[in-house]
Amino acid sequence: MGREILNLHDIENTPEGIYRGLLTLREDFDAHTHDGADSKSFETIHVRTLIADSSVISTRSLAVIKKNYSDTTAGFWTGIDTDNVAKLFLGNSTNYVKWTGTAMQIAGNITATTGTIGGFTIGATTLSAVNCTLDSTSGVIGTNIKTGSAGTRIEMNANTMNFYPSSGGAFMTISGGNSEIDITHQGSAAAIYIDYATGARTTKLLQLDDANQTADFHSPIVLIQRTADSTSASTMLQFWQLGGSGAIIDLRQHSAATAAVMRIYQQDVSETAVFIGTNTSVTEADIGLLEVLPVTAGTVGIYIAPAANVAHMRWYAGSAPASPQDGDFWYDGSNLKFRLGAATKTLSWT
């Protein structure tokens, strides 16, 4: 005779009926088989809410420890929230994984050595894409950085850095070819343009310092040469013109300026401050702050163009030189004198 099938609706509402129903339930539970093996489980249990210790299972959510999605107690909650949106909260208030219904939120450390993220391939120590590799040990390799429109970008690789304008074509290339920094300019604008920001000028725009000089001279460009390199063969600044008909240096001063266009301070008065010549094999004789060397017959060392209503040259009054040499001119306040044949001559007035 087979086992009696228990129907909860048929249990008599008497102590004897409830007792017989419980016995039948126990027999059914003990004898139930599934896939040939004894199991102490039911095939289907329909309940509205099941509570086991601190864990709650309901028809709208599944939770361990947590009571709802907003509960920050360490635990787990997933289900349909009060706004009828499916959500997930695993963790506590500081370390968690959340699905808000529209976005995944993660707080805490993440470790990944494989997979992809945002088009980058994850490696053990790298994030790599077609034009860029971020290496935790070697830095950035083969980078192509783009900003603004598609034509405006900066490209960097192992040897060069290219700057492209929005109009296309290489604007400027910086590489380490012939020297530490080579700049190849391909545009019509300035290769390097440095401008002060608005407001008071309180610092230099550019300082080329070979002596670790910390003084701030409040000048746009400061060149400092260390003492060890200050030899007759060392030049701080050179301009070479290999073609064209323009001036090498063009100095223009604002009409409201109150200082000189150029100032030259020579601390060693035994050396020439300015030497002008055309033959690089000839150097200064160190007999004056300014030396001019004519090179061909018919030329002059100094030519002062005539101008209306102004003096061509002016000597300021001063004392006679301590040891005048032939060719010296000076003005003592009363007479213009010059040295000739080891004798001092006074120009006569006519």
Protein backbone atom coordinates (compact mmCIF):
# COMPACT_ATOMS: atom_id res chain seq x y z
CA MET A 1 0.00 0.00 0.00
CA GLY A 2 1.46 3.35 -1.02
CA ARG A 3 2.04 6.30 1.21
CA GLU A 4 -0.81 8.64 1.86
CA ILE A 5 -0.51 11.98 0.06
CA LEU A 6 -1.01 14.82 2.47
CA ASN A 7 -3.34 17.62 1.41
CA LEU A 8 -3.24 20.48 3.88
CA HIS A 9 -6.79 21.48 2.93
CA ASP A 10 -8.09 18.03 4.09
CA ILE A 11 -6.66 18.21 7.61
CA GLU A 12 -9.43 18.10 10.17
CA ASN A 13 -9.51 21.05 12.50
CA THR A 14 -9.25 18.77 15.54
CA PRO A 15 -6.32 17.73 17.68
CA GLU A 16 -6.52 14.22 16.23
CA GLY A 17 -6.67 15.54 12.63
CA ILE A 18 -3.73 17.86 13.14
CA TYR A 19 -1.72 15.03 14.75
CA ARG A 20 -2.40 12.64 11.86
CA GLY A 21 -1.47 15.38 9.38
CA LEU A 22 1.85 16.01 11.09
CA LEU A 23 2.67 12.29 11.09
CA THR A 24 1.87 12.06 7.38
CA LEU A 25 4.02 15.16 6.74
CA ARG A 26 6.96 13.60 8.63
CA GLU A 27 6.62 10.30 6.75
CA ASP A 28 6.47 12.14 3.43
CA PHE A 29 9.53 14.22 4.34
CA ASP A 30 11.57 11.18 5.47
CA ALA A 31 10.62 9.00 2.49
CA HIS A 32 10.89 11.62 -0.26
CA THR A 33 13.46 10.68 -2.91
CA HIS A 34 14.96 12.75 -5.70
CA ASP A 35 17.14 11.28 -8.46
CA GLY A 36 17.34 8.06 -6.51
CA ALA A 37 18.85 9.65 -3.44
CA ASP A 38 17.22 10.39 -0.12
CA SER A 39 16.82 14.11 0.53
CA LYS A 40 15.19 16.05 3.28
CA SER A 41 13.64 18.67 1.01
CA PHE A 42 10.39 19.50 -0.70
CA GLU A 43 10.03 19.89 -4.44
CA THR A 44 8.21 23.21 -4.10
CA ILE A 45 7.42 25.42 -1.12
CA HIS A 46 5.22 28.46 -1.61
CA VAL A 47 5.64 31.08 1.14
CA ARG A 48 5.27 34.84 1.26
CA THR A 49 8.17 35.49 3.63
CA LEU A 50 10.78 33.11 5.11
CA ILE A 51 12.91 34.28 8.04
CA ALA A 52 15.95 32.26 9.16
CA ASP A 53 17.98 33.86 11.97
CA SER A 54 19.05 37.28 10.57
CA SER A 55 18.45 36.38 6.90
CA VAL A 56 15.24 37.30 5.13
CA ILE A 57 13.87 35.89 1.88
CA SER A 58 10.76 37.51 0.44
CA THR A 59 8.93 37.66 -2.83
CA ARG A 60 10.57 41.06 -3.72
CA SER A 61 14.10 40.71 -2.36
CA LEU A 62 16.83 38.38 -1.17
CA ALA A 63 18.97 39.55 1.74
CA VAL A 64 21.62 38.40 4.19
CA ILE A 65 21.87 40.57 7.31
CA LYS A 66 20.67 43.72 5.50
CA LYS A 67 17.01 44.65 5.84
CA ASN A 68 16.74 46.88 2.74
CA TYR A 69 18.80 48.57 0.00
CA SER A 70 19.62 51.57 2.20
CA ASP A 71 20.96 49.42 5.05
CA THR A 72 24.75 50.02 5.35
CA THR A 73 25.28 47.10 7.69
CA ALA A 74 27.78 44.62 6.25
CA GLY A 75 25.79 42.09 4.27
CA PHE A 76 23.93 41.48 1.04
CA TRP A 77 20.67 42.75 -0.45
CA THR A 78 19.22 42.40 -3.94
CA GLY A 79 15.73 42.82 -5.21
CA ILE A 80 13.09 45.33 -6.19
CA ASP A 81 13.47 48.53 -4.17
CA THR A 82 10.65 50.79 -2.98
CA ASP A 83 10.88 52.75 -6.27
CA ASN A 84 10.25 49.48 -8.21
CA VAL A 85 13.82 49.48 -9.55
CA ALA A 86 16.00 46.36 -9.37
CA LYS A 87 19.07 47.07 -7.24
CA LEU A 88 22.04 45.36 -5.58
CA PHE A 89 24.04 46.25 -2.45
CA LEU A 90 26.92 44.02 -1.32
CA GLY A 91 29.23 45.26 1.45
CA ASN A 92 29.11 48.03 4.04
CA SER A 93 29.27 51.85 4.08
CA THR A 94 32.94 52.05 3.01
CA ASN A 95 33.62 48.96 0.90
CA TYR A 96 30.86 47.82 -1.40
CA VAL A 97 29.55 46.88 -4.82
CA LYS A 98 26.27 48.57 -5.76
CA TRP A 99 23.95 48.50 -8.72
CA THR A 100 21.80 51.61 -8.40
CA GLY A 101 19.47 50.65 -11.20
CA THR A 102 21.40 52.77 -13.70
CA ALA A 103 25.08 52.50 -12.74
CA MET A 104 27.57 50.18 -11.05
CA GLN A 105 29.39 51.70 -8.05
CA ILE A 106 32.46 50.12 -6.45
CA ALA A 107 34.25 51.35 -3.34
CA GLY A 108 37.48 49.62 -2.33
CA ASN A 109 40.53 48.17 -4.03
CA ILE A 110 40.17 46.52 -7.44
CA THR A 111 42.75 44.06 -8.74
CA ALA A 112 42.68 42.91 -12.36
CA THR A 113 45.41 41.33 -14.52
CA THR A 114 43.31 40.49 -17.58
CA GLY A 115 40.29 41.72 -19.50
CA THR A 116 39.42 45.06 -21.09
CA ILE A 117 38.21 48.43 -19.86
CA GLY A 118 37.28 51.44 -22.01
CA GLY A 119 39.04 49.99 -25.06
CA PHE A 120 42.24 49.24 -23.10
CA THR A 121 43.55 45.72 -22.63
CA ILE A 122 44.42 44.93 -19.03
CA GLY A 123 47.75 43.26 -18.41
CA ALA A 124 49.67 42.34 -15.29
CA THR A 125 51.37 45.78 -15.19
CA THR A 126 49.94 47.58 -18.23
CA LEU A 127 46.92 49.16 -19.86
CA SER A 128 47.40 49.07 -23.62
CA ALA A 129 45.56 50.21 -26.74
CA VAL A 130 46.48 50.77 -30.39
CA ASN A 131 48.39 54.03 -29.86
CA CYS A 132 49.18 54.02 -26.17
CA THR A 133 50.57 51.78 -23.45
CA LEU A 134 50.52 52.76 -19.79
CA ASP A 135 53.18 50.72 -18.02
CA SER A 136 53.44 50.84 -14.23
CA THR A 137 57.22 50.28 -14.43
CA SER A 138 58.23 52.03 -17.70
CA GLY A 139 55.76 54.92 -17.87
CA VAL A 140 53.89 55.96 -21.02
CA ILE A 141 54.98 54.30 -24.27
CA GLY A 142 53.93 55.21 -27.82
CA THR A 143 51.39 57.81 -26.80
CA ASN A 144 49.00 59.61 -29.14
CA ILE A 145 47.18 62.31 -27.21
CA LYS A 146 44.37 64.16 -28.96
CA THR A 147 42.65 67.27 -27.69
CA GLY A 148 39.93 69.41 -29.22
CA SER A 149 39.05 68.69 -32.83
CA ALA A 150 40.37 65.74 -34.77
CA GLY A 151 43.24 67.77 -36.27
CA THR A 152 44.46 69.31 -33.03
CA ARG A 153 46.66 66.92 -31.14
CA ILE A 154 50.02 66.15 -29.60
CA GLU A 155 51.82 62.98 -30.60
CA MET A 156 54.66 61.51 -28.60
CA ASN A 157 56.79 58.44 -29.15
CA ALA A 158 60.23 57.33 -28.11
CA ASN A 159 62.07 59.99 -30.18
CA THR A 160 59.80 62.89 -31.11
CA MET A 161 56.92 65.07 -30.00
CA ASN A 162 54.70 66.51 -32.74
CA PHE A 163 52.28 69.41 -32.30
CA TYR A 164 49.52 69.61 -34.91
CA PRO A 165 47.22 72.61 -35.43
CA SER A 166 43.54 72.27 -36.26
CA SER A 167 44.28 73.11 -39.91
CA GLY A 168 46.36 69.95 -40.29
CA GLY A 169 50.05 69.43 -40.98
CA ALA A 170 52.91 69.32 -38.49
CA PHE A 171 53.19 72.66 -36.70
CA MET A 172 56.23 71.90 -34.61
CA THR A 173 58.35 68.82 -33.97
CA ILE A 174 60.61 68.42 -30.95
CA SER A 175 63.11 65.57 -31.09
CA GLY A 176 66.44 64.52 -29.69
CA GLY A 177 68.38 64.24 -32.95
CA ASN A 178 71.34 66.58 -33.26
CA SER A 179 71.08 67.79 -29.67
CA GLU A 180 69.00 67.18 -26.59
CA ILE A 181 66.17 69.26 -28.05
CA ASP A 182 65.67 69.90 -31.80
CA ILE A 183 62.73 72.08 -32.87
CA THR A 184 61.58 71.83 -36.49
CA HIS A 185 59.10 74.55 -37.36
CA GLN A 186 56.71 74.15 -40.30
CA GLY A 187 54.20 76.93 -39.75
CA SER A 188 54.01 80.65 -40.42
CA ALA A 189 53.59 81.65 -36.78
CA ALA A 190 56.32 81.82 -34.13
CA ALA A 191 57.91 78.49 -33.23
CA ILE A 192 58.10 79.54 -29.59
CA TYR A 193 55.92 82.36 -28.26
CA ILE A 194 56.15 83.32 -24.61
CA ASP A 195 53.90 86.03 -23.19
CA TYR A 196 53.39 87.47 -19.76
CA ALA A 197 49.96 86.98 -18.24
CA THR A 198 48.02 90.10 -17.34
CA GLY A 199 48.96 91.75 -14.08
CA ALA A 200 52.22 92.71 -12.44
CA ARG A 201 55.44 91.24 -13.83
CA THR A 202 57.11 89.46 -10.93
CA THR A 203 59.27 86.79 -12.53
CA LYS A 204 61.23 85.76 -15.63
CA LEU A 205 59.71 84.15 -18.69
CA LEU A 206 62.85 82.20 -19.49
CA GLN A 207 66.06 81.65 -17.55
CA LEU A 208 68.91 79.69 -19.08
CA ASP A 209 71.03 79.12 -16.02
CA ASP A 210 74.32 77.25 -15.97
CA ALA A 211 75.31 78.41 -12.50
CA ASN A 212 72.31 77.57 -10.34
CA GLN A 213 71.61 81.27 -9.96
CA THR A 214 68.66 81.92 -7.67
CA ALA A 215 68.45 85.71 -8.02
CA ASP A 216 65.30 86.96 -9.77
CA PHE A 217 66.13 89.78 -12.16
CA HIS A 218 62.49 90.37 -13.25
CA SER A 219 63.54 90.21 -16.90
CA PRO A 220 61.77 88.21 -19.62
CA ILE A 221 64.97 86.35 -20.56
CA VAL A 222 67.97 85.77 -18.31
CA LEU A 223 71.17 84.08 -19.49
CA ILE A 224 73.66 83.06 -16.82
CA GLN A 225 77.00 81.39 -17.50
CA ARG A 226 78.88 79.63 -14.77
CA THR A 227 82.41 80.75 -13.96
CA ALA A 228 84.00 77.46 -15.05
CA ASP A 229 82.75 77.98 -18.63
CA SER A 230 83.63 81.68 -18.91
CA THR A 231 86.60 81.38 -21.27
CA SER A 232 87.49 83.33 -24.37
CA ALA A 233 86.13 80.48 -26.47
CA SER A 234 82.75 80.28 -24.74
CA THR A 235 79.87 82.34 -26.11
CA MET A 236 76.61 82.70 -24.23
CA LEU A 237 74.52 83.75 -27.21
CA GLN A 238 75.15 83.50 -30.96
CA PHE A 239 73.10 84.65 -33.96
CA TRP A 240 74.06 83.25 -37.36
CA GLN A 241 72.43 84.56 -40.51
CA LEU A 242 72.93 82.19 -43.45
CA GLY A 243 70.70 83.98 -45.94
CA GLY A 244 68.24 86.78 -46.43
CA SER A 245 68.70 90.51 -46.35
CA GLY A 246 67.15 91.42 -43.01
CA ALA A 247 68.86 92.60 -39.86
CA ILE A 248 70.19 90.01 -37.45
CA ILE A 249 69.05 92.02 -34.43
CA ASP A 250 66.32 94.65 -34.54
CA LEU A 251 65.71 96.53 -31.29
CA ARG A 252 62.65 98.76 -31.06
CA GLN A 253 61.61 100.68 -27.99
CA HIS A 254 58.20 102.02 -27.08
CA SER A 255 57.86 105.79 -27.39
CA ALA A 256 56.91 106.12 -23.73
CA ALA A 257 59.92 104.14 -22.45
CA THR A 258 62.11 105.84 -19.85
CA ALA A 259 65.15 103.55 -20.06
CA ALA A 260 67.80 102.81 -22.66
CA VAL A 261 67.11 100.42 -25.53
CA MET A 262 70.24 98.50 -24.60
CA ARG A 263 72.47 98.58 -21.56
CA ILE A 264 75.91 97.00 -21.44
CA TYR A 265 77.73 96.84 -18.13
CA GLN A 266 81.36 95.78 -18.33
CA GLN A 267 82.68 94.97 -14.88
CA ASP A 268 86.21 94.27 -16.09
CA VAL A 269 87.26 97.64 -17.57
CA SER A 270 90.41 96.08 -18.99
CA GLU A 271 88.30 94.11 -21.47
CA THR A 272 86.33 95.38 -24.45
CA ALA A 273 82.56 95.46 -23.90
CA VAL A 274 81.54 95.62 -27.59
CA PHE A 275 83.66 94.57 -30.56
CA ILE A 276 82.46 95.02 -34.14
CA GLY A 277 84.32 93.42 -37.03
CA THR A 278 83.80 91.27 -40.11
CA ASN A 279 86.74 88.89 -39.90
CA THR A 280 86.27 86.14 -37.31
CA SER A 281 90.01 85.57 -37.15
CA VAL A 282 90.55 89.05 -35.68
CA THR A 283 89.58 89.74 -32.06
CA GLU A 284 89.44 92.82 -29.88
CA ALA A 285 92.55 94.59 -28.67
CA ASP A 286 91.03 95.35 -25.25
CA ILE A 287 91.81 99.05 -25.39
CA GLY A 288 88.24 100.40 -25.05
CA LEU A 289 84.71 99.51 -24.13
CA LEU A 290 83.79 99.82 -27.84
CA GLU A 291 86.07 98.65 -30.64
CA VAL A 292 85.24 98.86 -34.35
CA LEU A 293 87.43 97.25 -36.99
CA PRO A 294 87.12 98.48 -40.61
CA VAL A 295 88.11 95.77 -43.04
CA THR A 296 88.42 97.32 -46.48
CA ALA A 297 89.78 100.53 -47.89
CA GLY A 298 87.24 103.28 -48.19
CA THR A 299 85.16 102.13 -45.22
CA VAL A 300 84.92 103.75 -41.84
CA GLY A 301 84.59 102.24 -38.43
CA ILE A 302 81.76 104.47 -37.27
CA TYR A 303 79.40 106.39 -39.53
CA ILE A 304 76.87 108.80 -38.10
CA ALA A 305 74.14 109.64 -40.57
CA PRO A 306 73.28 113.36 -40.84
CA ALA A 307 70.02 114.52 -39.32
CA ALA A 308 68.40 117.93 -39.18
CA ASN A 309 68.54 119.97 -35.98
CA VAL A 310 70.56 117.46 -33.94
CA ALA A 311 74.25 117.10 -33.12
CA HIS A 312 76.10 114.24 -34.74
CA MET A 313 78.31 113.65 -31.71
CA ARG A 314 78.67 115.09 -28.25
CA TRP A 315 81.57 114.84 -25.79
CA TYR A 316 80.67 115.41 -22.16
CA ALA A 317 83.05 117.49 -20.05
CA GLY A 318 85.44 115.59 -17.84
CA SER A 319 88.98 115.51 -16.57
CA ALA A 320 91.94 114.60 -18.75
CA PRO A 321 92.93 110.90 -18.88
CA ALA A 322 95.63 109.95 -16.40
CA SER A 323 97.84 108.46 -19.12
CA PRO A 324 96.63 109.71 -22.49
CA GLN A 325 97.61 107.73 -25.58
CA ASP A 326 98.01 108.88 -29.15
CA GLY A 327 94.59 109.10 -30.76
CA ASP A 328 92.70 109.98 -27.55
CA PHE A 329 90.05 112.73 -27.65
CA TRP A 330 88.49 114.40 -24.61
CA TYR A 331 86.64 117.54 -23.61
CA ASP A 332 87.68 119.26 -20.39
CA GLY A 333 84.70 121.63 -20.27
CA SER A 334 86.50 124.48 -22.07
CA ASN A 335 88.51 122.93 -24.88
CA LEU A 336 88.42 119.84 -27.09
CA LYS A 337 91.79 118.12 -26.89
CA PHE A 338 93.44 115.17 -28.54
CA ARG A 339 96.70 113.28 -28.21
CA LEU A 340 99.10 113.31 -31.15
CA GLY A 341 102.78 112.43 -31.30
CA ALA A 342 102.98 111.90 -27.54
CA ALA A 343 101.79 115.48 -27.05
CA THR A 344 98.39 116.89 -26.03
CA LYS A 345 96.93 119.29 -28.58
CA THR A 346 94.11 121.78 -28.17
CA LEU A 347 91.85 122.37 -31.11
CA SER A 348 91.83 126.01 -32.06
CA TRP A 349 88.61 127.80 -32.74
CA THR A 350 88.01 129.56 -36.04
